[in-house]
Amino acid sequence: MSGVALSASRAVSLASIQAPVRERLDRVHPELHRIVVHGLPAIEAVSGHLLKRLGKMFRPTLSLLASDLDGKGDDRAITCAAAIELMHLATLVHDDSVDHSVKRRGMPTVNALFSHEVSVIMGDFLYSRALQAMVSLESLEIMRLLTEVSNELAVGEMRQLGAIDKLSFDEAGYVALIRSKTGSLLRASCETGTFFGAERFRAPMARYGERLGLAFQIADDLIDYVGDEALAGKPTGADLKEHKVTLPLIAALPHMSAGARKRVEALFAEPEPSDELVAEVVGIVGEAGGLEYARRRGAQFADEAQEALAGLPDSPVRAALADAIVYVMDRRT
């Protein structure tokens, strides 16, 4: 069993992870409002809705922790953290539109409350506002990193949409996908954070962020199989309903009987699979070992994130970064 899995037996709260940067994290929300403010009523209406449903601020937390590794606490990191959260918010707005999702974090999505057209345009607006905020930091290297991430996020989405035979999607393709869609932004959160007084830790924090992102996404995909709606913030089983192939199913497919495989194929052939069929396939994936395999792979990435912290100074910040790994892995998966 991995070191992270062993440590996951102790409870870790997000509040305890955020404690070392609590004061600066509280300033990120007003900074988000400052960045997105605009006189156009339509934009104000949508941005007001979005900023009311902000999530756990996990990415800004990581960014601020990285910026404080040397204890310098540069306030420019607050703008950077806010811009990264806006980029994350933009990806959610676009994803919800692509997936025709109607609920996110217990609230209506932009495409459900307004329209798909508004959703696409608002996602673009959030991206451009985030990049404008980065320009104000006058760091070409930060701009380079964040524009690369924007490209990776788009490529990841196209990689997912472009799969013709979804049931032939393999683990290598899946890892490349989640590295683009989740790992890249968590990596950027940690890497850019070091630019504000802790740049000597840039390389290990980049590795930490990417590996944490891979573990995070696998844990999230597992929640869709075994979690509950209150935890996921959206109906569970949604990935299968939307014909998304994630690691539990990829790992299970080679070990299914012919009859079980036909039930999976039936689900993917059905434009709107029933809850009963989704539940049946969830059971098939579990019986074929898909859930357990995904847990092991997530733990491997979590251990790699832990290893990346080895050279960091012993401090409350490093302890919080280590706790963030436990927090990610202990999401009722």
C-alpha atoms as a PDB file:
ATOM      1  CA  MET A   1       0.000   0.000   0.000  1.00  0.00           C
ATOM      2  CA  SER A   2       1.265   3.500  -0.822  1.00  0.00           C
ATOM      3  CA  GLY A   3       2.481   6.002   1.730  1.00  0.00           C
ATOM      4  CA  VAL A   4      -0.290   8.372   0.759  1.00  0.00           C
ATOM      5  CA  ALA A   5      -2.897   5.633   1.142  1.00  0.00           C
ATOM      6  CA  LEU A   6      -1.587   4.886   4.612  1.00  0.00           C
ATOM      7  CA  SER A   7      -1.714   8.538   5.619  1.00  0.00           C
ATOM      8  CA  ALA A   8      -5.233   8.870   4.228  1.00  0.00           C
ATOM      9  CA  SER A   9      -6.506   7.107   7.338  1.00  0.00           C
ATOM     10  CA  ARG A  10      -6.271  10.463   9.119  1.00  0.00           C
ATOM     11  CA  ALA A  11      -8.833  13.102   8.253  1.00  0.00           C
ATOM     12  CA  VAL A  12      -7.557  16.198   6.445  1.00  0.00           C
ATOM     13  CA  SER A  13      -9.790  19.217   5.987  1.00  0.00           C
ATOM     14  CA  LEU A  14      -9.456  21.773   3.227  1.00  0.00           C
ATOM     15  CA  ALA A  15      -9.547  24.470   5.915  1.00  0.00           C
ATOM     16  CA  SER A  16      -6.383  23.087   7.520  1.00  0.00           C
ATOM     17  CA  ILE A  17      -4.625  23.032   4.132  1.00  0.00           C
ATOM     18  CA  GLN A  18      -5.625  26.639   3.530  1.00  0.00           C
ATOM     19  CA  ALA A  19      -4.659  27.828   7.026  1.00  0.00           C
ATOM     20  CA  PRO A  20      -1.080  28.956   6.178  1.00  0.00           C
ATOM     21  CA  VAL A  21      -2.398  31.269   3.414  1.00  0.00           C
ATOM     22  CA  ARG A  22      -5.866  32.031   4.810  1.00  0.00           C
ATOM     23  CA  GLU A  23      -5.475  35.810   4.910  1.00  0.00           C
ATOM     24  CA  ARG A  24      -4.286  36.081   1.321  1.00  0.00           C
ATOM     25  CA  LEU A  25      -6.768  33.474   0.086  1.00  0.00           C
ATOM     26  CA  ASP A  26      -9.596  35.616   1.489  1.00  0.00           C
ATOM     27  CA  ARG A  27      -8.383  38.392  -0.813  1.00  0.00           C
ATOM     28  CA  VAL A  28      -8.673  36.268  -3.948  1.00  0.00           C
ATOM     29  CA  HIS A  29     -12.469  36.553  -4.143  1.00  0.00           C
ATOM     30  CA  PRO A  30     -12.488  40.397  -4.241  1.00  0.00           C
ATOM     31  CA  GLU A  31      -9.675  40.172  -6.800  1.00  0.00           C
ATOM     32  CA  LEU A  32     -11.821  37.909  -8.968  1.00  0.00           C
ATOM     33  CA  HIS A  33     -14.596  40.505  -8.899  1.00  0.00           C
ATOM     34  CA  ARG A  34     -12.130  43.259  -9.765  1.00  0.00           C
ATOM     35  CA  ILE A  35     -10.807  41.329 -12.759  1.00  0.00           C
ATOM     36  CA  VAL A  36     -14.167  40.385 -14.284  1.00  0.00           C
ATOM     37  CA  VAL A  37     -16.063  43.613 -13.612  1.00  0.00           C
ATOM     38  CA  HIS A  38     -17.575  45.034 -16.793  1.00  0.00           C
ATOM     39  CA  GLY A  39     -20.234  47.600 -17.551  1.00  0.00           C
ATOM     40  CA  LEU A  40     -22.228  45.404 -19.932  1.00  0.00           C
ATOM     41  CA  PRO A  41     -25.344  44.173 -18.061  1.00  0.00           C
ATOM     42  CA  ALA A  42     -25.356  40.800 -19.816  1.00  0.00           C
ATOM     43  CA  ILE A  43     -21.789  40.085 -18.701  1.00  0.00           C
ATOM     44  CA  GLU A  44     -22.507  41.327 -15.192  1.00  0.00           C
ATOM     45  CA  ALA A  45     -25.496  38.987 -14.917  1.00  0.00           C
ATOM     46  CA  VAL A  46     -23.534  35.895 -15.973  1.00  0.00           C
ATOM     47  CA  SER A  47     -20.388  36.728 -14.005  1.00  0.00           C
ATOM     48  CA  GLY A  48     -22.498  37.450 -10.920  1.00  0.00           C
ATOM     49  CA  HIS A  49     -24.044  33.989 -11.207  1.00  0.00           C
ATOM     50  CA  LEU A  50     -20.652  32.340 -11.684  1.00  0.00           C
ATOM     51  CA  LEU A  51     -18.917  34.103  -8.809  1.00  0.00           C
ATOM     52  CA  LYS A  52     -21.723  33.043  -6.472  1.00  0.00           C
ATOM     53  CA  ARG A  53     -20.951  29.400  -7.150  1.00  0.00           C
ATOM     54  CA  LEU A  54     -17.192  29.421  -6.743  1.00  0.00           C
ATOM     55  CA  GLY A  55     -15.902  26.076  -5.589  1.00  0.00           C
ATOM     56  CA  LYS A  56     -13.329  25.174  -2.970  1.00  0.00           C
ATOM     57  CA  MET A  57     -10.604  27.477  -4.367  1.00  0.00           C
ATOM     58  CA  PHE A  58      -8.213  24.531  -4.467  1.00  0.00           C
ATOM     59  CA  ARG A  59      -6.063  25.875  -7.311  1.00  0.00           C
ATOM     60  CA  PRO A  60      -5.628  29.351  -5.767  1.00  0.00           C
ATOM     61  CA  THR A  61      -4.742  27.619  -2.508  1.00  0.00           C
ATOM     62  CA  LEU A  62      -1.960  25.637  -4.181  1.00  0.00           C
ATOM     63  CA  SER A  63      -0.699  28.725  -5.989  1.00  0.00           C
ATOM     64  CA  LEU A  64      -0.507  30.759  -2.781  1.00  0.00           C
ATOM     65  CA  LEU A  65       1.136  27.910  -0.869  1.00  0.00           C
ATOM     66  CA  ALA A  66       3.785  27.639  -3.585  1.00  0.00           C
ATOM     67  CA  SER A  67       4.394  31.386  -3.426  1.00  0.00           C
ATOM     68  CA  ASP A  68       4.971  31.171   0.321  1.00  0.00           C
ATOM     69  CA  LEU A  69       7.550  28.362   0.350  1.00  0.00           C
ATOM     70  CA  ASP A  70      10.252  30.885   1.261  1.00  0.00           C
ATOM     71  CA  GLY A  71       7.928  32.852   3.528  1.00  0.00           C
ATOM     72  CA  LYS A  72       7.940  36.017   1.415  1.00  0.00           C
ATOM     73  CA  GLY A  73       4.202  36.307   0.679  1.00  0.00           C
ATOM     74  CA  ASP A  74       4.341  38.601  -2.383  1.00  0.00           C
ATOM     75  CA  ASP A  75       0.866  40.096  -2.936  1.00  0.00           C
ATOM     76  CA  ARG A  76       1.202  39.754  -6.725  1.00  0.00           C
ATOM     77  CA  ALA A  77       0.555  36.060  -6.104  1.00  0.00           C
ATOM     78  CA  ILE A  78      -3.048  36.989  -5.231  1.00  0.00           C
ATOM     79  CA  THR A  79      -3.679  38.291  -8.751  1.00  0.00           C
ATOM     80  CA  CYS A  80      -1.982  35.217 -10.198  1.00  0.00           C
ATOM     81  CA  ALA A  81      -4.122  32.902  -8.063  1.00  0.00           C
ATOM     82  CA  ALA A  82      -7.299  34.744  -9.113  1.00  0.00           C
ATOM     83  CA  ALA A  83      -6.371  34.522 -12.798  1.00  0.00           C
ATOM     84  CA  ILE A  84      -5.786  30.774 -12.509  1.00  0.00           C
ATOM     85  CA  GLU A  85      -9.169  30.324 -10.837  1.00  0.00           C
ATOM     86  CA  LEU A  86     -10.781  32.263 -13.701  1.00  0.00           C
ATOM     87  CA  MET A  87      -9.130  29.946 -16.213  1.00  0.00           C
ATOM     88  CA  HIS A  88     -10.484  26.974 -14.290  1.00  0.00           C
ATOM     89  CA  LEU A  89     -13.935  28.559 -14.198  1.00  0.00           C
ATOM     90  CA  ALA A  90     -13.767  29.125 -17.957  1.00  0.00           C
ATOM     91  CA  THR A  91     -13.032  25.434 -18.554  1.00  0.00           C
ATOM     92  CA  LEU A  92     -16.058  24.467 -16.448  1.00  0.00           C
ATOM     93  CA  VAL A  93     -18.311  26.855 -18.365  1.00  0.00           C
ATOM     94  CA  HIS A  94     -17.128  25.434 -21.686  1.00  0.00           C
ATOM     95  CA  ASP A  95     -17.302  21.811 -20.466  1.00  0.00           C
ATOM     96  CA  ASP A  96     -20.860  22.256 -19.230  1.00  0.00           C
ATOM     97  CA  SER A  97     -21.877  23.649 -22.600  1.00  0.00           C
ATOM     98  CA  VAL A  98     -20.181  20.843 -24.530  1.00  0.00           C
ATOM     99  CA  ASP A  99     -21.710  18.204 -22.246  1.00  0.00           C
ATOM    100  CA  HIS A 100     -25.127  19.925 -22.082  1.00  0.00           C
ATOM    101  CA  SER A 101     -24.914  19.719 -18.291  1.00  0.00           C
ATOM    102  CA  VAL A 102     -27.709  21.428 -16.369  1.00  0.00           C
ATOM    103  CA  LYS A 103     -26.191  21.469 -12.881  1.00  0.00           C
ATOM    104  CA  ARG A 104     -22.776  22.298 -11.427  1.00  0.00           C
ATOM    105  CA  ARG A 105     -22.047  22.607  -7.700  1.00  0.00           C
ATOM    106  CA  GLY A 106     -25.740  22.326  -6.995  1.00  0.00           C
ATOM    107  CA  MET A 107     -26.633  25.345  -9.156  1.00  0.00           C
ATOM    108  CA  PRO A 108     -27.831  25.745 -12.757  1.00  0.00           C
ATOM    109  CA  THR A 109     -25.053  25.894 -15.332  1.00  0.00           C
ATOM    110  CA  VAL A 110     -24.629  28.966 -17.530  1.00  0.00           C
ATOM    111  CA  ASN A 111     -25.912  27.086 -20.580  1.00  0.00           C
ATOM    112  CA  ALA A 112     -28.994  25.945 -18.638  1.00  0.00           C
ATOM    113  CA  LEU A 113     -29.754  29.333 -17.080  1.00  0.00           C
ATOM    114  CA  PHE A 114     -28.893  31.494 -20.103  1.00  0.00           C
ATOM    115  CA  SER A 115     -27.955  29.686 -23.360  1.00  0.00           C
ATOM    116  CA  HIS A 116     -25.203  27.661 -24.988  1.00  0.00           C
ATOM    117  CA  GLU A 117     -24.199  30.722 -27.013  1.00  0.00           C
ATOM    118  CA  VAL A 118     -23.810  32.811 -23.859  1.00  0.00           C
ATOM    119  CA  SER A 119     -21.862  29.969 -22.244  1.00  0.00           C
ATOM    120  CA  VAL A 120     -19.297  29.810 -25.053  1.00  0.00           C
ATOM    121  CA  ILE A 121     -18.837  33.573 -25.161  1.00  0.00           C
ATOM    122  CA  MET A 122     -18.618  33.865 -21.372  1.00  0.00           C
ATOM    123  CA  GLY A 123     -15.969  31.169 -21.202  1.00  0.00           C
ATOM    124  CA  ASP A 124     -13.935  33.102 -23.763  1.00  0.00           C
ATOM    125  CA  PHE A 125     -14.444  36.291 -21.760  1.00  0.00           C
ATOM    126  CA  LEU A 126     -13.146  34.661 -18.573  1.00  0.00           C
ATOM    127  CA  TYR A 127     -10.063  33.384 -20.399  1.00  0.00           C
ATOM    128  CA  SER A 128      -9.300  36.800 -21.848  1.00  0.00           C
ATOM    129  CA  ARG A 129      -9.814  38.523 -18.491  1.00  0.00           C
ATOM    130  CA  ALA A 130      -7.464  36.032 -16.847  1.00  0.00           C
ATOM    131  CA  LEU A 131      -4.786  36.716 -19.447  1.00  0.00           C
ATOM    132  CA  GLN A 132      -5.255  40.473 -19.062  1.00  0.00           C
ATOM    133  CA  ALA A 133      -4.664  40.077 -15.327  1.00  0.00           C
ATOM    134  CA  MET A 134      -1.492  38.123 -16.063  1.00  0.00           C
ATOM    135  CA  VAL A 135      -0.264  40.907 -18.347  1.00  0.00           C
ATOM    136  CA  SER A 136      -0.522  43.295 -15.398  1.00  0.00           C
ATOM    137  CA  LEU A 137       2.071  41.185 -13.557  1.00  0.00           C
ATOM    138  CA  GLU A 138       4.619  42.051 -16.275  1.00  0.00           C
ATOM    139  CA  SER A 139       6.097  38.558 -16.423  1.00  0.00           C
ATOM    140  CA  LEU A 140       6.604  37.117 -19.880  1.00  0.00           C
ATOM    141  CA  GLU A 141       7.364  33.703 -18.387  1.00  0.00           C
ATOM    142  CA  ILE A 142       4.036  33.568 -16.529  1.00  0.00           C
ATOM    143  CA  MET A 143       2.249  34.578 -19.720  1.00  0.00           C
ATOM    144  CA  ARG A 144       4.094  31.860 -21.637  1.00  0.00           C
ATOM    145  CA  LEU A 145       3.113  29.210 -19.112  1.00  0.00           C
ATOM    146  CA  LEU A 146      -0.543  30.216 -18.940  1.00  0.00           C
ATOM    147  CA  THR A 147      -0.975  30.498 -22.701  1.00  0.00           C
ATOM    148  CA  GLU A 148       0.564  27.025 -23.039  1.00  0.00           C
ATOM    149  CA  VAL A 149      -1.935  25.743 -20.496  1.00  0.00           C
ATOM    150  CA  SER A 150      -4.816  27.370 -22.406  1.00  0.00           C
ATOM    151  CA  ASN A 151      -3.676  25.475 -25.475  1.00  0.00           C
ATOM    152  CA  GLU A 152      -3.334  22.203 -23.549  1.00  0.00           C
ATOM    153  CA  LEU A 153      -6.838  22.562 -22.153  1.00  0.00           C
ATOM    154  CA  ALA A 154      -8.283  23.038 -25.636  1.00  0.00           C
ATOM    155  CA  VAL A 155      -6.275  20.146 -27.068  1.00  0.00           C
ATOM    156  CA  GLY A 156      -7.458  17.935 -24.220  1.00  0.00           C
ATOM    157  CA  GLU A 157     -11.091  18.749 -24.955  1.00  0.00           C
ATOM    158  CA  MET A 158     -10.599  18.037 -28.672  1.00  0.00           C
ATOM    159  CA  ARG A 159      -8.811  14.785 -27.815  1.00  0.00           C
ATOM    160  CA  GLN A 160     -11.889  13.693 -25.888  1.00  0.00           C
ATOM    161  CA  LEU A 161     -14.410  14.837 -28.487  1.00  0.00           C
ATOM    162  CA  GLY A 162     -12.401  13.377 -31.371  1.00  0.00           C
ATOM    163  CA  ALA A 163     -12.532   9.770 -30.161  1.00  0.00           C
ATOM    164  CA  ILE A 164     -14.475   7.837 -32.808  1.00  0.00           C
ATOM    165  CA  ASP A 165     -14.573   4.387 -31.208  1.00  0.00           C
ATOM    166  CA  LYS A 166     -14.823   5.370 -27.566  1.00  0.00           C
ATOM    167  CA  LEU A 167     -14.489   1.829 -26.247  1.00  0.00           C
ATOM    168  CA  SER A 168     -11.066   1.527 -27.904  1.00  0.00           C
ATOM    169  CA  PHE A 169      -9.761   4.467 -25.831  1.00  0.00           C
ATOM    170  CA  ASP A 170      -6.778   3.098 -23.903  1.00  0.00           C
ATOM    171  CA  GLU A 171      -4.986   4.035 -20.696  1.00  0.00           C
ATOM    172  CA  ALA A 172      -2.187   5.919 -22.471  1.00  0.00           C
ATOM    173  CA  GLY A 173      -4.754   8.091 -24.221  1.00  0.00           C
ATOM    174  CA  TYR A 174      -6.618   8.611 -20.961  1.00  0.00           C
ATOM    175  CA  VAL A 175      -3.492   9.732 -19.101  1.00  0.00           C
ATOM    176  CA  ALA A 176      -2.609  12.109 -21.949  1.00  0.00           C
ATOM    177  CA  LEU A 177      -6.144  13.500 -21.749  1.00  0.00           C
ATOM    178  CA  ILE A 178      -6.193  14.110 -18.005  1.00  0.00           C
ATOM    179  CA  ARG A 179      -2.649  15.517 -18.130  1.00  0.00           C
ATOM    180  CA  SER A 180      -3.983  18.129 -20.568  1.00  0.00           C
ATOM    181  CA  LYS A 181      -7.319  18.805 -18.903  1.00  0.00           C
ATOM    182  CA  THR A 182      -6.471  18.603 -15.191  1.00  0.00           C
ATOM    183  CA  GLY A 183      -2.753  18.097 -14.690  1.00  0.00           C
ATOM    184  CA  SER A 184      -1.760  21.133 -16.763  1.00  0.00           C
ATOM    185  CA  LEU A 185      -3.722  23.663 -14.715  1.00  0.00           C
ATOM    186  CA  LEU A 186      -2.723  22.244 -11.335  1.00  0.00           C
ATOM    187  CA  ARG A 187       0.887  22.200 -12.543  1.00  0.00           C
ATOM    188  CA  ALA A 188       0.597  25.832 -13.605  1.00  0.00           C
ATOM    189  CA  SER A 189      -1.009  26.763 -10.290  1.00  0.00           C
ATOM    190  CA  CYS A 190       1.995  25.425  -8.397  1.00  0.00           C
ATOM    191  CA  GLU A 191       4.660  26.470 -10.881  1.00  0.00           C
ATOM    192  CA  THR A 192       3.567  30.083 -11.353  1.00  0.00           C
ATOM    193  CA  GLY A 193       3.113  30.444  -7.608  1.00  0.00           C
ATOM    194  CA  THR A 194       6.854  29.959  -7.124  1.00  0.00           C
ATOM    195  CA  PHE A 195       7.567  33.018  -9.287  1.00  0.00           C
ATOM    196  CA  PHE A 196       6.764  35.280  -6.343  1.00  0.00           C
ATOM    197  CA  GLY A 197       9.713  34.625  -4.072  1.00  0.00           C
ATOM    198  CA  ALA A 198      10.235  30.858  -4.287  1.00  0.00           C
ATOM    199  CA  GLU A 199      11.470  30.276  -7.856  1.00  0.00           C
ATOM    200  CA  ARG A 200      14.190  27.868  -6.715  1.00  0.00           C
ATOM    201  CA  PHE A 201      11.366  25.388  -6.085  1.00  0.00           C
ATOM    202  CA  ARG A 202       9.839  25.786  -9.543  1.00  0.00           C
ATOM    203  CA  ALA A 203      10.782  22.344 -10.929  1.00  0.00           C
ATOM    204  CA  PRO A 204       9.643  20.206  -7.974  1.00  0.00           C
ATOM    205  CA  MET A 205       6.433  22.220  -7.623  1.00  0.00           C
ATOM    206  CA  ALA A 206       5.650  21.778 -11.317  1.00  0.00           C
ATOM    207  CA  ARG A 207       6.081  18.012 -10.945  1.00  0.00           C
ATOM    208  CA  TYR A 208       4.069  17.988  -7.724  1.00  0.00           C
ATOM    209  CA  GLY A 209       1.210  19.909  -9.329  1.00  0.00           C
ATOM    210  CA  GLU A 210       1.012  17.713 -12.413  1.00  0.00           C
ATOM    211  CA  ARG A 211       1.091  14.439 -10.462  1.00  0.00           C
ATOM    212  CA  LEU A 212      -1.444  15.799  -7.976  1.00  0.00           C
ATOM    213  CA  GLY A 213      -3.660  16.749 -10.922  1.00  0.00           C
ATOM    214  CA  LEU A 214      -3.514  13.230 -12.348  1.00  0.00           C
ATOM    215  CA  ALA A 215      -4.389  11.733  -8.960  1.00  0.00           C
ATOM    216  CA  PHE A 216      -7.148  14.323  -8.525  1.00  0.00           C
ATOM    217  CA  GLN A 217      -8.792  13.466 -11.848  1.00  0.00           C
ATOM    218  CA  ILE A 218      -8.683   9.718 -11.257  1.00  0.00           C
ATOM    219  CA  ALA A 219     -10.264  10.265  -7.835  1.00  0.00           C
ATOM    220  CA  ASP A 220     -12.911  12.460  -9.484  1.00  0.00           C
ATOM    221  CA  ASP A 221     -13.639   9.785 -12.097  1.00  0.00           C
ATOM    222  CA  LEU A 222     -14.009   7.208  -9.339  1.00  0.00           C
ATOM    223  CA  ILE A 223     -16.501   9.426  -7.522  1.00  0.00           C
ATOM    224  CA  ASP A 224     -18.692   9.303 -10.626  1.00  0.00           C
ATOM    225  CA  TYR A 225     -18.884   5.537 -10.119  1.00  0.00           C
ATOM    226  CA  VAL A 226     -19.085   5.215  -6.346  1.00  0.00           C
ATOM    227  CA  GLY A 227     -19.751   8.671  -4.882  1.00  0.00           C
ATOM    228  CA  ASP A 228     -22.920  10.608  -4.228  1.00  0.00           C
ATOM    229  CA  GLU A 229     -24.445  13.673  -5.842  1.00  0.00           C
ATOM    230  CA  ALA A 230     -23.789  15.922  -2.841  1.00  0.00           C
ATOM    231  CA  LEU A 231     -20.068  15.146  -3.017  1.00  0.00           C
ATOM    232  CA  ALA A 232     -19.703  15.348  -6.793  1.00  0.00           C
ATOM    233  CA  GLY A 233     -21.787  18.510  -7.197  1.00  0.00           C
ATOM    234  CA  LYS A 234     -23.515  16.867 -10.165  1.00  0.00           C
ATOM    235  CA  PRO A 235     -25.508  13.665 -10.661  1.00  0.00           C
ATOM    236  CA  THR A 236     -23.276  10.583 -10.318  1.00  0.00           C
ATOM    237  CA  GLY A 237     -23.160   8.228 -13.279  1.00  0.00           C
ATOM    238  CA  ALA A 238     -23.016  11.318 -15.486  1.00  0.00           C
ATOM    239  CA  ASP A 239     -19.840  10.188 -17.264  1.00  0.00           C
ATOM    240  CA  LEU A 240     -21.449   6.952 -18.434  1.00  0.00           C
ATOM    241  CA  LYS A 241     -24.655   8.772 -19.371  1.00  0.00           C
ATOM    242  CA  GLU A 242     -22.538  11.123 -21.494  1.00  0.00           C
ATOM    243  CA  HIS A 243     -20.589   8.176 -22.971  1.00  0.00           C
ATOM    244  CA  LYS A 244     -17.301   9.274 -21.410  1.00  0.00           C
ATOM    245  CA  VAL A 245     -14.691   6.565 -21.054  1.00  0.00           C
ATOM    246  CA  THR A 246     -12.574   6.971 -17.919  1.00  0.00           C
ATOM    247  CA  LEU A 247      -9.966   4.770 -16.246  1.00  0.00           C
ATOM    248  CA  PRO A 248     -12.313   2.455 -14.294  1.00  0.00           C
ATOM    249  CA  LEU A 249     -14.028   1.378 -17.517  1.00  0.00           C
ATOM    250  CA  ILE A 250     -10.764   1.240 -19.517  1.00  0.00           C
ATOM    251  CA  ALA A 251      -9.222  -1.057 -16.907  1.00  0.00           C
ATOM    252  CA  ALA A 252     -12.316  -3.255 -16.668  1.00  0.00           C
ATOM    253  CA  LEU A 253     -12.989  -3.843 -20.369  1.00  0.00           C
ATOM    254  CA  PRO A 254     -10.273  -6.505 -20.983  1.00  0.00           C
ATOM    255  CA  HIS A 255     -11.525  -8.543 -18.016  1.00  0.00           C
ATOM    256  CA  MET A 256     -15.243  -8.601 -18.847  1.00  0.00           C
ATOM    257  CA  SER A 257     -17.174 -11.564 -20.126  1.00  0.00           C
ATOM    258  CA  ALA A 258     -18.630 -11.334 -23.629  1.00  0.00           C
ATOM    259  CA  GLY A 259     -22.070 -10.806 -22.141  1.00  0.00           C
ATOM    260  CA  ALA A 260     -20.889  -8.005 -19.876  1.00  0.00           C
ATOM    261  CA  ARG A 261     -19.113  -6.336 -22.793  1.00  0.00           C
ATOM    262  CA  LYS A 262     -22.366  -6.387 -24.759  1.00  0.00           C
ATOM    263  CA  ARG A 263     -24.152  -4.564 -21.932  1.00  0.00           C
ATOM    264  CA  VAL A 264     -21.482  -1.851 -22.017  1.00  0.00           C
ATOM    265  CA  GLU A 265     -21.818  -1.606 -25.795  1.00  0.00           C
ATOM    266  CA  ALA A 266     -25.583  -1.346 -25.387  1.00  0.00           C
ATOM    267  CA  LEU A 267     -25.133   1.608 -23.041  1.00  0.00           C
ATOM    268  CA  PHE A 268     -22.855   3.409 -25.514  1.00  0.00           C
ATOM    269  CA  ALA A 269     -25.292   2.710 -28.351  1.00  0.00           C
ATOM    270  CA  GLU A 270     -28.150   4.293 -26.403  1.00  0.00           C
ATOM    271  CA  PRO A 271     -28.411   8.088 -26.862  1.00  0.00           C
ATOM    272  CA  GLU A 272     -29.925   8.455 -23.372  1.00  0.00           C
ATOM    273  CA  PRO A 273     -29.141   5.343 -21.333  1.00  0.00           C
ATOM    274  CA  SER A 274     -31.495   4.577 -18.480  1.00  0.00           C
ATOM    275  CA  ASP A 275     -30.495   4.834 -14.832  1.00  0.00           C
ATOM    276  CA  GLU A 276     -30.950   1.066 -14.585  1.00  0.00           C
ATOM    277  CA  LEU A 277     -28.506   0.400 -17.423  1.00  0.00           C
ATOM    278  CA  VAL A 278     -25.992   2.851 -15.965  1.00  0.00           C
ATOM    279  CA  ALA A 279     -26.231   1.128 -12.585  1.00  0.00           C
ATOM    280  CA  GLU A 280     -25.770  -2.258 -14.248  1.00  0.00           C
ATOM    281  CA  VAL A 281     -22.602  -1.115 -16.037  1.00  0.00           C
ATOM    282  CA  VAL A 282     -21.247   0.427 -12.822  1.00  0.00           C
ATOM    283  CA  GLY A 283     -21.647  -3.009 -11.236  1.00  0.00           C
ATOM    284  CA  ILE A 284     -19.951  -4.706 -14.186  1.00  0.00           C
ATOM    285  CA  VAL A 285     -16.981  -2.330 -13.972  1.00  0.00           C
ATOM    286  CA  GLY A 286     -16.594  -3.038 -10.270  1.00  0.00           C
ATOM    287  CA  GLU A 287     -16.783  -6.811 -10.709  1.00  0.00           C
ATOM    288  CA  ALA A 288     -14.153  -6.673 -13.467  1.00  0.00           C
ATOM    289  CA  GLY A 289     -11.685  -4.878 -11.191  1.00  0.00           C
ATOM    290  CA  GLY A 290     -11.865  -1.478 -12.840  1.00  0.00           C
ATOM    291  CA  LEU A 291     -12.459   0.498  -9.658  1.00  0.00           C
ATOM    292  CA  GLU A 292      -9.644  -1.165  -7.729  1.00  0.00           C
ATOM    293  CA  TYR A 293      -7.203  -0.675 -10.602  1.00  0.00           C
ATOM    294  CA  ALA A 294      -8.081   3.018 -10.852  1.00  0.00           C
ATOM    295  CA  ARG A 295      -7.533   3.403  -7.101  1.00  0.00           C
ATOM    296  CA  ARG A 296      -4.058   1.876  -7.424  1.00  0.00           C
ATOM    297  CA  ARG A 297      -3.097   4.128 -10.336  1.00  0.00           C
ATOM    298  CA  GLY A 298      -4.346   7.194  -8.505  1.00  0.00           C
ATOM    299  CA  ALA A 299      -2.261   6.195  -5.480  1.00  0.00           C
ATOM    300  CA  GLN A 300       0.832   5.827  -7.691  1.00  0.00           C
ATOM    301  CA  PHE A 301       0.458   9.377  -8.984  1.00  0.00           C
ATOM    302  CA  ALA A 302      -0.182  10.586  -5.436  1.00  0.00           C
ATOM    303  CA  ASP A 303       3.061   8.955  -4.279  1.00  0.00           C
ATOM    304  CA  GLU A 304       4.928  10.708  -7.094  1.00  0.00           C
ATOM    305  CA  ALA A 305       3.477  14.024  -5.924  1.00  0.00           C
ATOM    306  CA  GLN A 306       4.665  13.228  -2.398  1.00  0.00           C
ATOM    307  CA  GLU A 307       8.160  12.425  -3.673  1.00  0.00           C
ATOM    308  CA  ALA A 308       8.341  15.802  -5.419  1.00  0.00           C
ATOM    309  CA  LEU A 309       8.080  17.518  -2.029  1.00  0.00           C
ATOM    310  CA  ALA A 310      11.192  15.796  -0.661  1.00  0.00           C
ATOM    311  CA  GLY A 311      13.575  18.712  -1.227  1.00  0.00           C
ATOM    312  CA  LEU A 312      11.285  21.442   0.126  1.00  0.00           C
ATOM    313  CA  PRO A 313      12.036  23.077   3.491  1.00  0.00           C
ATOM    314  CA  ASP A 314      10.189  21.702   6.477  1.00  0.00           C
ATOM    315  CA  SER A 315       7.437  24.231   7.222  1.00  0.00           C
ATOM    316  CA  PRO A 316       3.658  24.575   7.667  1.00  0.00           C
ATOM    317  CA  VAL A 317       3.448  25.246   3.911  1.00  0.00           C
ATOM    318  CA  ARG A 318       5.143  21.961   3.019  1.00  0.00           C
ATOM    319  CA  ALA A 319       2.908  20.158   5.513  1.00  0.00           C
ATOM    320  CA  ALA A 320      -0.153  21.721   3.866  1.00  0.00           C
ATOM    321  CA  LEU A 321       1.034  20.609   0.408  1.00  0.00           C
ATOM    322  CA  ALA A 322       1.484  17.060   1.727  1.00  0.00           C
ATOM    323  CA  ASP A 323      -1.980  17.192   3.309  1.00  0.00           C
ATOM    324  CA  ALA A 324      -3.405  18.308  -0.040  1.00  0.00           C
ATOM    325  CA  ILE A 325      -2.403  14.929  -1.469  1.00  0.00           C
ATOM    326  CA  VAL A 326      -4.238  13.093   1.312  1.00  0.00           C
ATOM    327  CA  TYR A 327      -7.242  15.368   0.816  1.00  0.00           C
ATOM    328  CA  VAL A 328      -7.367  14.595  -2.911  1.00  0.00           C
ATOM    329  CA  MET A 329      -7.107  10.841  -2.354  1.00  0.00           C
ATOM    330  CA  ASP A 330      -9.636  10.692   0.480  1.00  0.00           C
ATOM    331  CA  ARG A 331     -12.620  11.930  -1.513  1.00  0.00           C
ATOM    332  CA  ARG A 332     -14.794   8.891  -0.663  1.00  0.00           C
ATOM    333  CA  THR A 333     -13.337   6.828  -3.469  1.00  0.00           C
END
